[in-house]
PDB file of all heavy atoms in Angstrom:
ATOM      1  N   ALA A   1     -34.159  -4.546 -21.578  1.00  0.00           N
ATOM      2  CA  ALA A   1     -34.634  -5.859 -21.123  1.00  0.00           C
ATOM      3  C   ALA A   1     -35.647  -5.714 -20.002  1.00  0.00           C
ATOM      4  O   ALA A   1     -36.638  -6.408 -19.911  1.00  0.00           O
ATOM      5  CB  ALA A   1     -33.447  -6.720 -20.679  1.00  0.00           C
ATOM      6  N   LEU A   2     -35.393  -4.743 -19.104  1.00  0.00           N
ATOM      7  CA  LEU A   2     -36.272  -4.571 -17.954  1.00  0.00           C
ATOM      8  C   LEU A   2     -37.649  -4.073 -18.370  1.00  0.00           C
ATOM      9  O   LEU A   2     -38.616  -4.364 -17.693  1.00  0.00           O
ATOM     10  CB  LEU A   2     -35.659  -3.567 -16.970  1.00  0.00           C
ATOM     11  CG  LEU A   2     -34.488  -4.104 -16.130  1.00  0.00           C
ATOM     12  CD1 LEU A   2     -33.879  -2.991 -15.326  1.00  0.00           C
ATOM     13  CD2 LEU A   2     -34.941  -5.237 -15.230  1.00  0.00           C
ATOM     14  N   THR A   3     -37.733  -3.362 -19.494  1.00  0.00           N
ATOM     15  CA  THR A   3     -39.055  -2.864 -19.899  1.00  0.00           C
ATOM     16  C   THR A   3     -40.034  -4.012 -20.243  1.00  0.00           C
ATOM     17  O   THR A   3     -41.236  -3.838 -20.091  1.00  0.00           O
ATOM     18  CB  THR A   3     -38.944  -1.943 -21.134  1.00  0.00           C
ATOM     19  OG1 THR A   3     -38.366  -2.720 -22.249  1.00  0.00           O
ATOM     20  CG2 THR A   3     -38.055  -0.739 -20.849  1.00  0.00           C
ATOM     21  N   PHE A   4     -39.517  -5.161 -20.626  1.00  0.00           N
ATOM     22  CA  PHE A   4     -40.372  -6.310 -20.975  1.00  0.00           C
ATOM     23  C   PHE A   4     -40.968  -6.946 -19.744  1.00  0.00           C
ATOM     24  O   PHE A   4     -41.993  -7.650 -19.846  1.00  0.00           O
ATOM     25  CB  PHE A   4     -39.584  -7.309 -21.798  1.00  0.00           C
ATOM     26  CG  PHE A   4     -39.140  -6.844 -23.143  1.00  0.00           C
ATOM     27  CD1 PHE A   4     -37.830  -6.530 -23.385  1.00  0.00           C
ATOM     28  CD2 PHE A   4     -40.092  -6.614 -24.170  1.00  0.00           C
ATOM     29  CE1 PHE A   4     -37.436  -6.058 -24.632  1.00  0.00           C
ATOM     30  CE2 PHE A   4     -39.685  -6.149 -25.410  1.00  0.00           C
ATOM     31  CZ  PHE A   4     -38.380  -5.867 -25.623  1.00  0.00           C
ATOM     32  N   ILE A   5     -40.386  -6.736 -18.572  1.00  0.00           N
ATOM     33  CA  ILE A   5     -40.946  -7.315 -17.357  1.00  0.00           C
ATOM     34  C   ILE A   5     -41.452  -6.244 -16.420  1.00  0.00           C
ATOM     35  O   ILE A   5     -41.803  -6.557 -15.283  1.00  0.00           O
ATOM     36  CB  ILE A   5     -39.931  -8.217 -16.684  1.00  0.00           C
ATOM     37  CG1 ILE A   5     -38.677  -7.447 -16.274  1.00  0.00           C
ATOM     38  CG2 ILE A   5     -39.562  -9.410 -17.526  1.00  0.00           C
ATOM     39  CD1 ILE A   5     -37.722  -8.222 -15.363  1.00  0.00           C
ATOM     40  N   SER A   6     -41.466  -4.974 -16.905  1.00  0.00           N
ATOM     41  CA  SER A   6     -41.810  -3.908 -15.997  1.00  0.00           C
ATOM     42  C   SER A   6     -43.223  -3.992 -15.472  1.00  0.00           C
ATOM     43  O   SER A   6     -43.453  -3.700 -14.281  1.00  0.00           O
ATOM     44  CB  SER A   6     -41.647  -2.549 -16.733  1.00  0.00           C
ATOM     45  OG  SER A   6     -42.513  -2.506 -17.876  1.00  0.00           O
ATOM     46  N   ASN A   7     -44.189  -4.441 -16.264  1.00  0.00           N
ATOM     47  CA  ASN A   7     -45.577  -4.510 -15.797  1.00  0.00           C
ATOM     48  C   ASN A   7     -45.684  -5.490 -14.625  1.00  0.00           C
ATOM     49  O   ASN A   7     -46.399  -5.197 -13.656  1.00  0.00           O
ATOM     50  CB  ASN A   7     -46.481  -4.963 -16.939  1.00  0.00           C
ATOM     51  CG  ASN A   7     -46.721  -3.843 -17.933  1.00  0.00           C
ATOM     52  OD1 ASN A   7     -46.594  -2.636 -17.589  1.00  0.00           O
ATOM     53  ND2 ASN A   7     -47.097  -4.186 -19.188  1.00  0.00           N
ATOM     54  N   ALA A   8     -45.051  -6.645 -14.759  1.00  0.00           N
ATOM     55  CA  ALA A   8     -45.061  -7.642 -13.659  1.00  0.00           C
ATOM     56  C   ALA A   8     -44.410  -7.067 -12.403  1.00  0.00           C
ATOM     57  O   ALA A   8     -44.877  -7.272 -11.292  1.00  0.00           O
ATOM     58  CB  ALA A   8     -44.367  -8.893 -14.118  1.00  0.00           C
ATOM     59  N   LEU A   9     -43.282  -6.358 -12.577  1.00  0.00           N
ATOM     60  CA  LEU A   9     -42.590  -5.795 -11.474  1.00  0.00           C
ATOM     61  C   LEU A   9     -43.447  -4.726 -10.756  1.00  0.00           C
ATOM     62  O   LEU A   9     -43.508  -4.698  -9.507  1.00  0.00           O
ATOM     63  CB  LEU A   9     -41.260  -5.161 -11.883  1.00  0.00           C
ATOM     64  CG  LEU A   9     -40.125  -6.080 -12.287  1.00  0.00           C
ATOM     65  CD1 LEU A   9     -38.945  -5.308 -12.833  1.00  0.00           C
ATOM     66  CD2 LEU A   9     -39.694  -6.911 -11.049  1.00  0.00           C
ATOM     67  N   MET A  10     -44.093  -3.886 -11.544  1.00  0.00           N
ATOM     68  CA  MET A  10     -44.916  -2.826 -10.949  1.00  0.00           C
ATOM     69  C   MET A  10     -46.117  -3.389 -10.184  1.00  0.00           C
ATOM     70  O   MET A  10     -46.497  -2.896  -9.126  1.00  0.00           O
ATOM     71  CB  MET A  10     -45.352  -1.860 -12.040  1.00  0.00           C
ATOM     72  CG  MET A  10     -44.222  -1.191 -12.783  1.00  0.00           C
ATOM     73  SD  MET A  10     -42.893  -0.597 -11.691  1.00  0.00           S
ATOM     74  CE  MET A  10     -41.549  -0.394 -12.889  1.00  0.00           C
ATOM     75  N   LYS A  11     -46.667  -4.456 -10.692  1.00  0.00           N
ATOM     76  CA  LYS A  11     -47.801  -5.121 -10.016  1.00  0.00           C
ATOM     77  C   LYS A  11     -47.326  -5.709  -8.681  1.00  0.00           C
ATOM     78  O   LYS A  11     -48.053  -5.648  -7.670  1.00  0.00           O
ATOM     79  CB  LYS A  11     -48.411  -6.216 -10.912  1.00  0.00           C
ATOM     80  CG  LYS A  11     -49.210  -5.630 -12.093  1.00  0.00           C
ATOM     81  CD  LYS A  11     -49.765  -6.746 -12.951  1.00  0.00           C
ATOM     82  CE  LYS A  11     -50.570  -6.185 -14.092  1.00  0.00           C
ATOM     83  NZ  LYS A  11     -51.105  -7.218 -15.014  1.00  0.00           N
ATOM     84  N   ALA A  12     -46.115  -6.298  -8.718  1.00  0.00           N
ATOM     85  CA  ALA A  12     -45.553  -6.882  -7.483  1.00  0.00           C
ATOM     86  C   ALA A  12     -45.316  -5.774  -6.434  1.00  0.00           C
ATOM     87  O   ALA A  12     -45.646  -5.945  -5.284  1.00  0.00           O
ATOM     88  CB  ALA A  12     -44.236  -7.602  -7.823  1.00  0.00           C
ATOM     89  N   PHE A  13     -44.776  -4.660  -6.867  1.00  0.00           N
ATOM     90  CA  PHE A  13     -44.535  -3.523  -5.933  1.00  0.00           C
ATOM     91  C   PHE A  13     -45.861  -3.033  -5.356  1.00  0.00           C
ATOM     92  O   PHE A  13     -45.937  -2.750  -4.173  1.00  0.00           O
ATOM     93  CB  PHE A  13     -43.789  -2.380  -6.659  1.00  0.00           C
ATOM     94  CG  PHE A  13     -42.347  -2.624  -6.884  1.00  0.00           C
ATOM     95  CD1 PHE A  13     -41.794  -2.398  -8.152  1.00  0.00           C
ATOM     96  CD2 PHE A  13     -41.534  -3.079  -5.854  1.00  0.00           C
ATOM     97  CE1 PHE A  13     -40.437  -2.615  -8.378  1.00  0.00           C
ATOM     98  CE2 PHE A  13     -40.186  -3.319  -6.076  1.00  0.00           C
ATOM     99  CZ  PHE A  13     -39.668  -3.108  -7.318  1.00  0.00           C
ATOM    100  N   SER A  14     -46.873  -2.946  -6.209  1.00  0.00           N
ATOM    101  CA  SER A  14     -48.170  -2.469  -5.763  1.00  0.00           C
ATOM    102  C   SER A  14     -48.777  -3.426  -4.718  1.00  0.00           C
ATOM    103  O   SER A  14     -49.307  -2.994  -3.704  1.00  0.00           O
ATOM    104  CB  SER A  14     -49.118  -2.274  -6.954  1.00  0.00           C
ATOM    105  OG  SER A  14     -50.395  -1.918  -6.543  1.00  0.00           O
ATOM    106  N   TYR A  15     -48.662  -4.716  -4.989  1.00  0.00           N
ATOM    107  CA  TYR A  15     -49.172  -5.744  -4.100  1.00  0.00           C
ATOM    108  C   TYR A  15     -48.464  -5.661  -2.727  1.00  0.00           C
ATOM    109  O   TYR A  15     -49.092  -5.851  -1.715  1.00  0.00           O
ATOM    110  CB  TYR A  15     -48.996  -7.131  -4.724  1.00  0.00           C
ATOM    111  CG  TYR A  15     -49.437  -8.271  -3.847  1.00  0.00           C
ATOM    112  CD1 TYR A  15     -50.797  -8.554  -3.717  1.00  0.00           C
ATOM    113  CD2 TYR A  15     -48.535  -9.041  -3.132  1.00  0.00           C
ATOM    114  CE1 TYR A  15     -51.225  -9.613  -2.943  1.00  0.00           C
ATOM    115  CE2 TYR A  15     -48.952 -10.081  -2.307  1.00  0.00           C
ATOM    116  CZ  TYR A  15     -50.318 -10.358  -2.203  1.00  0.00           C
ATOM    117  OH  TYR A  15     -50.719 -11.392  -1.403  1.00  0.00           O
ATOM    118  N   LEU A  16     -47.199  -5.340  -2.772  1.00  0.00           N
ATOM    119  CA  LEU A  16     -46.383  -5.268  -1.521  1.00  0.00           C
ATOM    120  C   LEU A  16     -46.433  -3.883  -0.881  1.00  0.00           C
ATOM    121  O   LEU A  16     -45.759  -3.646   0.126  1.00  0.00           O
ATOM    122  CB  LEU A  16     -44.938  -5.657  -1.829  1.00  0.00           C
ATOM    123  CG  LEU A  16     -44.704  -7.106  -2.324  1.00  0.00           C
ATOM    124  CD1 LEU A  16     -43.271  -7.260  -2.802  1.00  0.00           C
ATOM    125  CD2 LEU A  16     -45.003  -8.084  -1.203  1.00  0.00           C
ATOM    126  N   ASN A  17     -47.267  -3.006  -1.405  1.00  0.00           N
ATOM    127  CA  ASN A  17     -47.330  -1.601  -0.959  1.00  0.00           C
ATOM    128  C   ASN A  17     -45.965  -0.909  -0.910  1.00  0.00           C
ATOM    129  O   ASN A  17     -45.627  -0.200   0.046  1.00  0.00           O
ATOM    130  CB  ASN A  17     -47.978  -1.610   0.457  1.00  0.00           C
ATOM    131  CG  ASN A  17     -49.420  -2.063   0.446  1.00  0.00           C
ATOM    132  OD1 ASN A  17     -50.169  -1.703  -0.457  1.00  0.00           O
ATOM    133  ND2 ASN A  17     -49.819  -2.835   1.435  1.00  0.00           N
ATOM    134  N   ILE A  18     -45.228  -1.062  -2.012  1.00  0.00           N
ATOM    135  CA  ILE A  18     -43.958  -0.390  -2.159  1.00  0.00           C
ATOM    136  C   ILE A  18     -44.147   0.684  -3.219  1.00  0.00           C
ATOM    137  O   ILE A  18     -44.520   0.399  -4.332  1.00  0.00           O
ATOM    138  CB  ILE A  18     -42.851  -1.378  -2.628  1.00  0.00           C
ATOM    139  CG1 ILE A  18     -42.615  -2.484  -1.526  1.00  0.00           C
ATOM    140  CG2 ILE A  18     -41.545  -0.661  -2.927  1.00  0.00           C
ATOM    141  CD1 ILE A  18     -41.646  -3.560  -1.975  1.00  0.00           C
ATOM    142  N   TYR A  19     -43.891   1.912  -2.869  1.00  0.00           N
ATOM    143  CA  TYR A  19     -44.186   3.041  -3.729  1.00  0.00           C
ATOM    144  C   TYR A  19     -42.943   3.842  -4.165  1.00  0.00           C
ATOM    145  O   TYR A  19     -43.025   4.680  -5.033  1.00  0.00           O
ATOM    146  CB  TYR A  19     -45.180   4.000  -3.048  1.00  0.00           C
ATOM    147  CG  TYR A  19     -46.415   3.298  -2.542  1.00  0.00           C
ATOM    148  CD1 TYR A  19     -46.623   3.096  -1.178  1.00  0.00           C
ATOM    149  CD2 TYR A  19     -47.357   2.810  -3.426  1.00  0.00           C
ATOM    150  CE1 TYR A  19     -47.755   2.424  -0.729  1.00  0.00           C
ATOM    151  CE2 TYR A  19     -48.473   2.156  -2.990  1.00  0.00           C
ATOM    152  CZ  TYR A  19     -48.663   1.969  -1.608  1.00  0.00           C
ATOM    153  OH  TYR A  19     -49.783   1.279  -1.181  1.00  0.00           O
ATOM    154  N   ASN A  20     -41.807   3.547  -3.536  1.00  0.00           N
ATOM    155  CA  ASN A  20     -40.565   4.234  -3.926  1.00  0.00           C
ATOM    156  C   ASN A  20     -39.443   3.212  -3.890  1.00  0.00           C
ATOM    157  O   ASN A  20     -39.540   2.128  -3.290  1.00  0.00           O
ATOM    158  CB  ASN A  20     -40.254   5.416  -3.005  1.00  0.00           C
ATOM    159  CG  ASN A  20     -39.855   5.005  -1.616  1.00  0.00           C
ATOM    160  OD1 ASN A  20     -40.645   4.334  -0.934  1.00  0.00           O
ATOM    161  ND2 ASN A  20     -38.709   5.416  -1.174  1.00  0.00           N
ATOM    162  N   ILE A  21     -38.343   3.543  -4.513  1.00  0.00           N
ATOM    163  CA  ILE A  21     -37.198   2.606  -4.633  1.00  0.00           C
ATOM    164  C   ILE A  21     -35.883   3.360  -4.625  1.00  0.00           C
ATOM    165  O   ILE A  21     -35.775   4.538  -5.019  1.00  0.00           O
ATOM    166  CB  ILE A  21     -37.380   1.811  -5.932  1.00  0.00           C
ATOM    167  CG1 ILE A  21     -36.423   0.596  -5.967  1.00  0.00           C
ATOM    168  CG2 ILE A  21     -37.168   2.662  -7.182  1.00  0.00           C
ATOM    169  CD1 ILE A  21     -36.716  -0.368  -7.068  1.00  0.00           C
ATOM    170  N   LEU A  22     -34.883   2.672  -4.097  1.00  0.00           N
ATOM    171  CA  LEU A  22     -33.505   3.125  -4.097  1.00  0.00           C
ATOM    172  C   LEU A  22     -33.343   4.496  -3.460  1.00  0.00           C
ATOM    173  O   LEU A  22     -32.587   5.334  -3.923  1.00  0.00           O
ATOM    174  CB  LEU A  22     -32.966   3.166  -5.536  1.00  0.00           C
ATOM    175  CG  LEU A  22     -32.904   1.798  -6.239  1.00  0.00           C
ATOM    176  CD1 LEU A  22     -32.436   1.986  -7.658  1.00  0.00           C
ATOM    177  CD2 LEU A  22     -31.969   0.850  -5.496  1.00  0.00           C
ATOM    178  N   SER A  23     -34.040   4.713  -2.337  1.00  0.00           N
ATOM    179  CA  SER A  23     -33.901   5.959  -1.621  1.00  0.00           C
ATOM    180  C   SER A  23     -32.658   5.909  -0.752  1.00  0.00           C
ATOM    181  O   SER A  23     -32.095   4.853  -0.458  1.00  0.00           O
ATOM    182  CB  SER A  23     -35.150   6.171  -0.682  1.00  0.00           C
ATOM    183  OG  SER A  23     -36.276   6.383  -1.511  1.00  0.00           O
ATOM    184  N   SER A  24     -32.226   7.107  -0.291  1.00  0.00           N
ATOM    185  CA  SER A  24     -31.050   7.194   0.539  1.00  0.00           C
ATOM    186  C   SER A  24     -31.358   6.830   1.980  1.00  0.00           C
ATOM    187  O   SER A  24     -31.514   7.728   2.837  1.00  0.00           O
ATOM    188  CB  SER A  24     -30.481   8.601   0.426  1.00  0.00           C
ATOM    189  OG  SER A  24     -29.329   8.723   1.226  1.00  0.00           O
ATOM    190  N   SER A  25     -31.492   5.560   2.213  1.00  0.00           N
ATOM    191  CA  SER A  25     -31.784   5.080   3.582  1.00  0.00           C
ATOM    192  C   SER A  25     -30.518   4.543   4.248  1.00  0.00           C
ATOM    193  O   SER A  25     -29.527   4.282   3.565  1.00  0.00           O
ATOM    194  CB  SER A  25     -32.821   3.985   3.479  1.00  0.00           C
ATOM    195  OG  SER A  25     -32.301   2.884   2.807  1.00  0.00           O
ATOM    196  N   PRO A  26     -30.536   4.335   5.536  1.00  0.00           N
ATOM    197  CA  PRO A  26     -29.347   3.750   6.197  1.00  0.00           C
ATOM    198  C   PRO A  26     -28.970   2.405   5.580  1.00  0.00           C
ATOM    199  O   PRO A  26     -27.783   2.114   5.393  1.00  0.00           O
ATOM    200  CB  PRO A  26     -29.819   3.609   7.666  1.00  0.00           C
ATOM    201  CG  PRO A  26     -30.790   4.712   7.822  1.00  0.00           C
ATOM    202  CD  PRO A  26     -31.539   4.786   6.541  1.00  0.00           C
ATOM    203  N   LEU A  27     -29.979   1.601   5.251  1.00  0.00           N
ATOM    204  CA  LEU A  27     -29.671   0.277   4.659  1.00  0.00           C
ATOM    205  C   LEU A  27     -29.010   0.460   3.301  1.00  0.00           C
ATOM    206  O   LEU A  27     -28.005  -0.220   2.961  1.00  0.00           O
ATOM    207  CB  LEU A  27     -30.970  -0.518   4.532  1.00  0.00           C
ATOM    208  CG  LEU A  27     -30.836  -1.886   3.858  1.00  0.00           C
ATOM    209  CD1 LEU A  27     -29.827  -2.752   4.546  1.00  0.00           C
ATOM    210  CD2 LEU A  27     -32.156  -2.602   3.749  1.00  0.00           C
ATOM    211  N   MET A  28     -29.571   1.379   2.480  1.00  0.00           N
ATOM    212  CA  MET A  28     -29.003   1.595   1.138  1.00  0.00           C
ATOM    213  C   MET A  28     -27.565   2.081   1.224  1.00  0.00           C
ATOM    214  O   MET A  28     -26.694   1.613   0.466  1.00  0.00           O
ATOM    215  CB  MET A  28     -29.901   2.572   0.402  1.00  0.00           C
ATOM    216  CG  MET A  28     -29.638   2.660  -1.117  1.00  0.00           C
ATOM    217  SD  MET A  28     -30.143   1.130  -1.911  1.00  0.00           S
ATOM    218  CE  MET A  28     -28.991   1.133  -3.315  1.00  0.00           C
ATOM    219  N   ARG A  29     -27.308   2.990   2.138  1.00  0.00           N
ATOM    220  CA  ARG A  29     -25.941   3.521   2.298  1.00  0.00           C
ATOM    221  C   ARG A  29     -24.989   2.417   2.777  1.00  0.00           C
ATOM    222  O   ARG A  29     -23.857   2.388   2.363  1.00  0.00           O
ATOM    223  CB  ARG A  29     -25.975   4.688   3.309  1.00  0.00           C
ATOM    224  CG  ARG A  29     -26.792   5.861   2.885  1.00  0.00           C
ATOM    225  CD  ARG A  29     -26.020   6.853   1.959  1.00  0.00           C
ATOM    226  NE  ARG A  29     -25.728   6.322   0.642  1.00  0.00           N
ATOM    227  CZ  ARG A  29     -26.590   6.316  -0.337  1.00  0.00           C
ATOM    228  NH1 ARG A  29     -27.834   6.822  -0.152  1.00  0.00           N
ATOM    229  NH2 ARG A  29     -26.283   5.851  -1.525  1.00  0.00           N
ATOM    230  N   GLY A  30     -25.499   1.527   3.637  1.00  0.00           N
ATOM    231  CA  GLY A  30     -24.646   0.475   4.129  1.00  0.00           C
ATOM    232  C   GLY A  30     -24.319  -0.537   3.030  1.00  0.00           C
ATOM    233  O   GLY A  30     -23.159  -1.026   2.975  1.00  0.00           O
ATOM    234  N   ILE A  31     -25.286  -0.899   2.257  1.00  0.00           N
ATOM    235  CA  ILE A  31     -25.063  -1.826   1.152  1.00  0.00           C
ATOM    236  C   ILE A  31     -24.034  -1.227   0.143  1.00  0.00           C
ATOM    237  O   ILE A  31     -23.120  -1.878  -0.316  1.00  0.00           O
ATOM    238  CB  ILE A  31     -26.388  -2.111   0.418  1.00  0.00           C
ATOM    239  CG1 ILE A  31     -27.325  -2.936   1.320  1.00  0.00           C
ATOM    240  CG2 ILE A  31     -26.132  -2.862  -0.901  1.00  0.00           C
ATOM    241  CD1 ILE A  31     -28.698  -3.125   0.775  1.00  0.00           C
ATOM    242  N   GLU A  32     -24.199   0.069  -0.102  1.00  0.00           N
ATOM    243  CA  GLU A  32     -23.292   0.748  -0.980  1.00  0.00           C
ATOM    244  C   GLU A  32     -21.854   0.702  -0.431  1.00  0.00           C
ATOM    245  O   GLU A  32     -20.926   0.416  -1.175  1.00  0.00           O
ATOM    246  CB  GLU A  32     -23.764   2.203  -1.190  1.00  0.00           C
ATOM    247  CG  GLU A  32     -22.703   3.144  -1.810  1.00  0.00           C
ATOM    248  CD  GLU A  32     -21.845   3.784  -0.753  1.00  0.00           C
ATOM    249  OE1 GLU A  32     -22.343   4.169   0.299  1.00  0.00           O
ATOM    250  OE2 GLU A  32     -20.615   3.882  -1.015  1.00  0.00           O
ATOM    251  N   LYS A  33     -21.722   0.939   0.848  1.00  0.00           N
ATOM    252  CA  LYS A  33     -20.357   0.983   1.450  1.00  0.00           C
ATOM    253  C   LYS A  33     -19.750  -0.424   1.419  1.00  0.00           C
ATOM    254  O   LYS A  33     -18.570  -0.588   1.129  1.00  0.00           O
ATOM    255  CB  LYS A  33     -20.445   1.495   2.888  1.00  0.00           C
ATOM    256  CG  LYS A  33     -19.087   1.655   3.508  1.00  0.00           C
ATOM    257  CD  LYS A  33     -19.144   2.433   4.828  1.00  0.00           C
ATOM    258  CE  LYS A  33     -17.780   2.675   5.409  1.00  0.00           C
ATOM    259  NZ  LYS A  33     -17.824   3.504   6.615  1.00  0.00           N
ATOM    260  N   MET A  34     -20.568  -1.424   1.685  1.00  0.00           N
ATOM    261  CA  MET A  34     -20.068  -2.740   1.747  1.00  0.00           C
ATOM    262  C   MET A  34     -19.610  -3.275   0.388  1.00  0.00           C
ATOM    263  O   MET A  34     -18.575  -3.860   0.213  1.00  0.00           O
ATOM    264  CB  MET A  34     -21.101  -3.698   2.365  1.00  0.00           C
ATOM    265  CG  MET A  34     -20.634  -5.125   2.592  1.00  0.00           C
ATOM    266  SD  MET A  34     -21.839  -6.105   3.483  1.00  0.00           S
ATOM    267  CE  MET A  34     -21.812  -5.303   5.079  1.00  0.00           C
ATOM    268  N   PHE A  35     -20.453  -2.993  -0.662  1.00  0.00           N
ATOM    269  CA  PHE A  35     -20.182  -3.545  -1.987  1.00  0.00           C
ATOM    270  C   PHE A  35     -19.337  -2.694  -2.880  1.00  0.00           C
ATOM    271  O   PHE A  35     -18.776  -3.173  -3.862  1.00  0.00           O
ATOM    272  CB  PHE A  35     -21.497  -3.927  -2.664  1.00  0.00           C
ATOM    273  CG  PHE A  35     -22.128  -5.182  -2.144  1.00  0.00           C
ATOM    274  CD1 PHE A  35     -23.169  -5.120  -1.257  1.00  0.00           C
ATOM    275  CD2 PHE A  35     -21.655  -6.390  -2.545  1.00  0.00           C
ATOM    276  CE1 PHE A  35     -23.740  -6.294  -0.757  1.00  0.00           C
ATOM    277  CE2 PHE A  35     -22.209  -7.598  -2.068  1.00  0.00           C
ATOM    278  CZ  PHE A  35     -23.260  -7.515  -1.151  1.00  0.00           C
ATOM    279  N   CYS A  36     -19.257  -1.383  -2.555  1.00  0.00           N
ATOM    280  CA  CYS A  36     -18.522  -0.487  -3.467  1.00  0.00           C
ATOM    281  C   CYS A  36     -17.252   0.051  -2.854  1.00  0.00           C
ATOM    282  O   CYS A  36     -16.502   0.774  -3.520  1.00  0.00           O
ATOM    283  CB  CYS A  36     -19.418   0.663  -3.905  1.00  0.00           C
ATOM    284  SG  CYS A  36     -20.789   0.136  -4.961  1.00  0.00           S
ATOM    285  N   LYS A  37     -16.991  -0.243  -1.561  1.00  0.00           N
ATOM    286  CA  LYS A  37     -15.825   0.388  -0.932  1.00  0.00           C
ATOM    287  C   LYS A  37     -14.962  -0.605  -0.174  1.00  0.00           C
ATOM    288  O   LYS A  37     -13.772  -0.452  -0.093  1.00  0.00           O
ATOM    289  CB  LYS A  37     -16.266   1.510   0.024  1.00  0.00           C
ATOM    290  CG  LYS A  37     -16.933   2.658  -0.727  1.00  0.00           C
ATOM    291  CD  LYS A  37     -17.366   3.746   0.233  1.00  0.00           C
ATOM    292  CE  LYS A  37     -18.036   4.888  -0.478  1.00  0.00           C
ATOM    293  NZ  LYS A  37     -18.565   5.920   0.450  1.00  0.00           N
ATOM    294  N   THR A  38     -15.575  -1.624   0.442  1.00  0.00           N
ATOM    295  CA  THR A  38     -14.828  -2.443   1.390  1.00  0.00           C
ATOM    296  C   THR A  38     -14.479  -3.832   0.921  1.00  0.00           C
ATOM    297  O   THR A  38     -13.505  -4.427   1.356  1.00  0.00           O
ATOM    298  CB  THR A  38     -15.567  -2.528   2.754  1.00  0.00           C
ATOM    299  OG1 THR A  38     -16.837  -3.142   2.518  1.00  0.00           O
ATOM    300  CG2 THR A  38     -15.795  -1.166   3.359  1.00  0.00           C
ATOM    301  N   LEU A  39     -15.305  -4.389   0.046  1.00  0.00           N
ATOM    302  CA  LEU A  39     -15.047  -5.774  -0.404  1.00  0.00           C
ATOM    303  C   LEU A  39     -13.943  -5.783  -1.455  1.00  0.00           C
ATOM    304  O   LEU A  39     -13.705  -4.790  -2.130  1.00  0.00           O
ATOM    305  CB  LEU A  39     -16.325  -6.385  -1.026  1.00  0.00           C
ATOM    306  CG  LEU A  39     -17.493  -6.622  -0.045  1.00  0.00           C
ATOM    307  CD1 LEU A  39     -18.675  -7.161  -0.820  1.00  0.00           C
ATOM    308  CD2 LEU A  39     -17.100  -7.566   1.060  1.00  0.00           C
ATOM    309  N   PRO A  40     -13.189  -6.891  -1.535  1.00  0.00           N
ATOM    310  CA  PRO A  40     -12.181  -7.053  -2.614  1.00  0.00           C
ATOM    311  C   PRO A  40     -12.783  -6.788  -3.975  1.00  0.00           C
ATOM    312  O   PRO A  40     -13.850  -7.313  -4.270  1.00  0.00           O
ATOM    313  CB  PRO A  40     -11.689  -8.447  -2.430  1.00  0.00           C
ATOM    314  CG  PRO A  40     -12.005  -8.789  -1.007  1.00  0.00           C
ATOM    315  CD  PRO A  40     -13.282  -8.108  -0.713  1.00  0.00           C
ATOM    316  N   LEU A  41     -12.077  -6.054  -4.822  1.00  0.00           N
ATOM    317  CA  LEU A  41     -12.551  -5.764  -6.174  1.00  0.00           C
ATOM    318  C   LEU A  41     -13.896  -5.027  -6.193  1.00  0.00           C
ATOM    319  O   LEU A  41     -14.603  -5.024  -7.188  1.00  0.00           O
ATOM    320  CB  LEU A  41     -12.648  -7.026  -7.009  1.00  0.00           C
ATOM    321  CG  LEU A  41     -11.382  -7.885  -7.115  1.00  0.00           C
ATOM    322  CD1 LEU A  41     -11.655  -9.168  -7.924  1.00  0.00           C
ATOM    323  CD2 LEU A  41     -10.251  -7.082  -7.757  1.00  0.00           C
ATOM    324  N   SER A  42     -14.221  -4.368  -5.048  1.00  0.00           N
ATOM    325  CA  SER A  42     -15.546  -3.736  -4.957  1.00  0.00           C
ATOM    326  C   SER A  42     -15.739  -2.595  -5.967  1.00  0.00           C
ATOM    327  O   SER A  42     -16.803  -2.451  -6.547  1.00  0.00           O
ATOM    328  CB  SER A  42     -15.755  -3.189  -3.515  1.00  0.00           C
ATOM    329  OG  SER A  42     -14.746  -2.291  -3.172  1.00  0.00           O
ATOM    330  N   SER A  43     -14.701  -1.775  -6.212  1.00  0.00           N
ATOM    331  CA  SER A  43     -14.856  -0.669  -7.124  1.00  0.00           C
ATOM    332  C   SER A  43     -15.065  -1.165  -8.585  1.00  0.00           C
ATOM    333  O   SER A  43     -15.829  -0.560  -9.351  1.00  0.00           O
ATOM    334  CB  SER A  43     -13.624   0.239  -7.142  1.00  0.00           C
ATOM    335  OG  SER A  43     -12.488  -0.450  -7.529  1.00  0.00           O
TER     336      SER A  43
END
């Protein structure tokens, strides 16, 4: 399903000067911990 909107997404990333995604950043690790470890039914 994502392939059908991929062109629009890539143009948006380019416009926003975003060149990488889902890197191991402090924010990404924090989101992971909050949603996959600490919230009810997170796993």
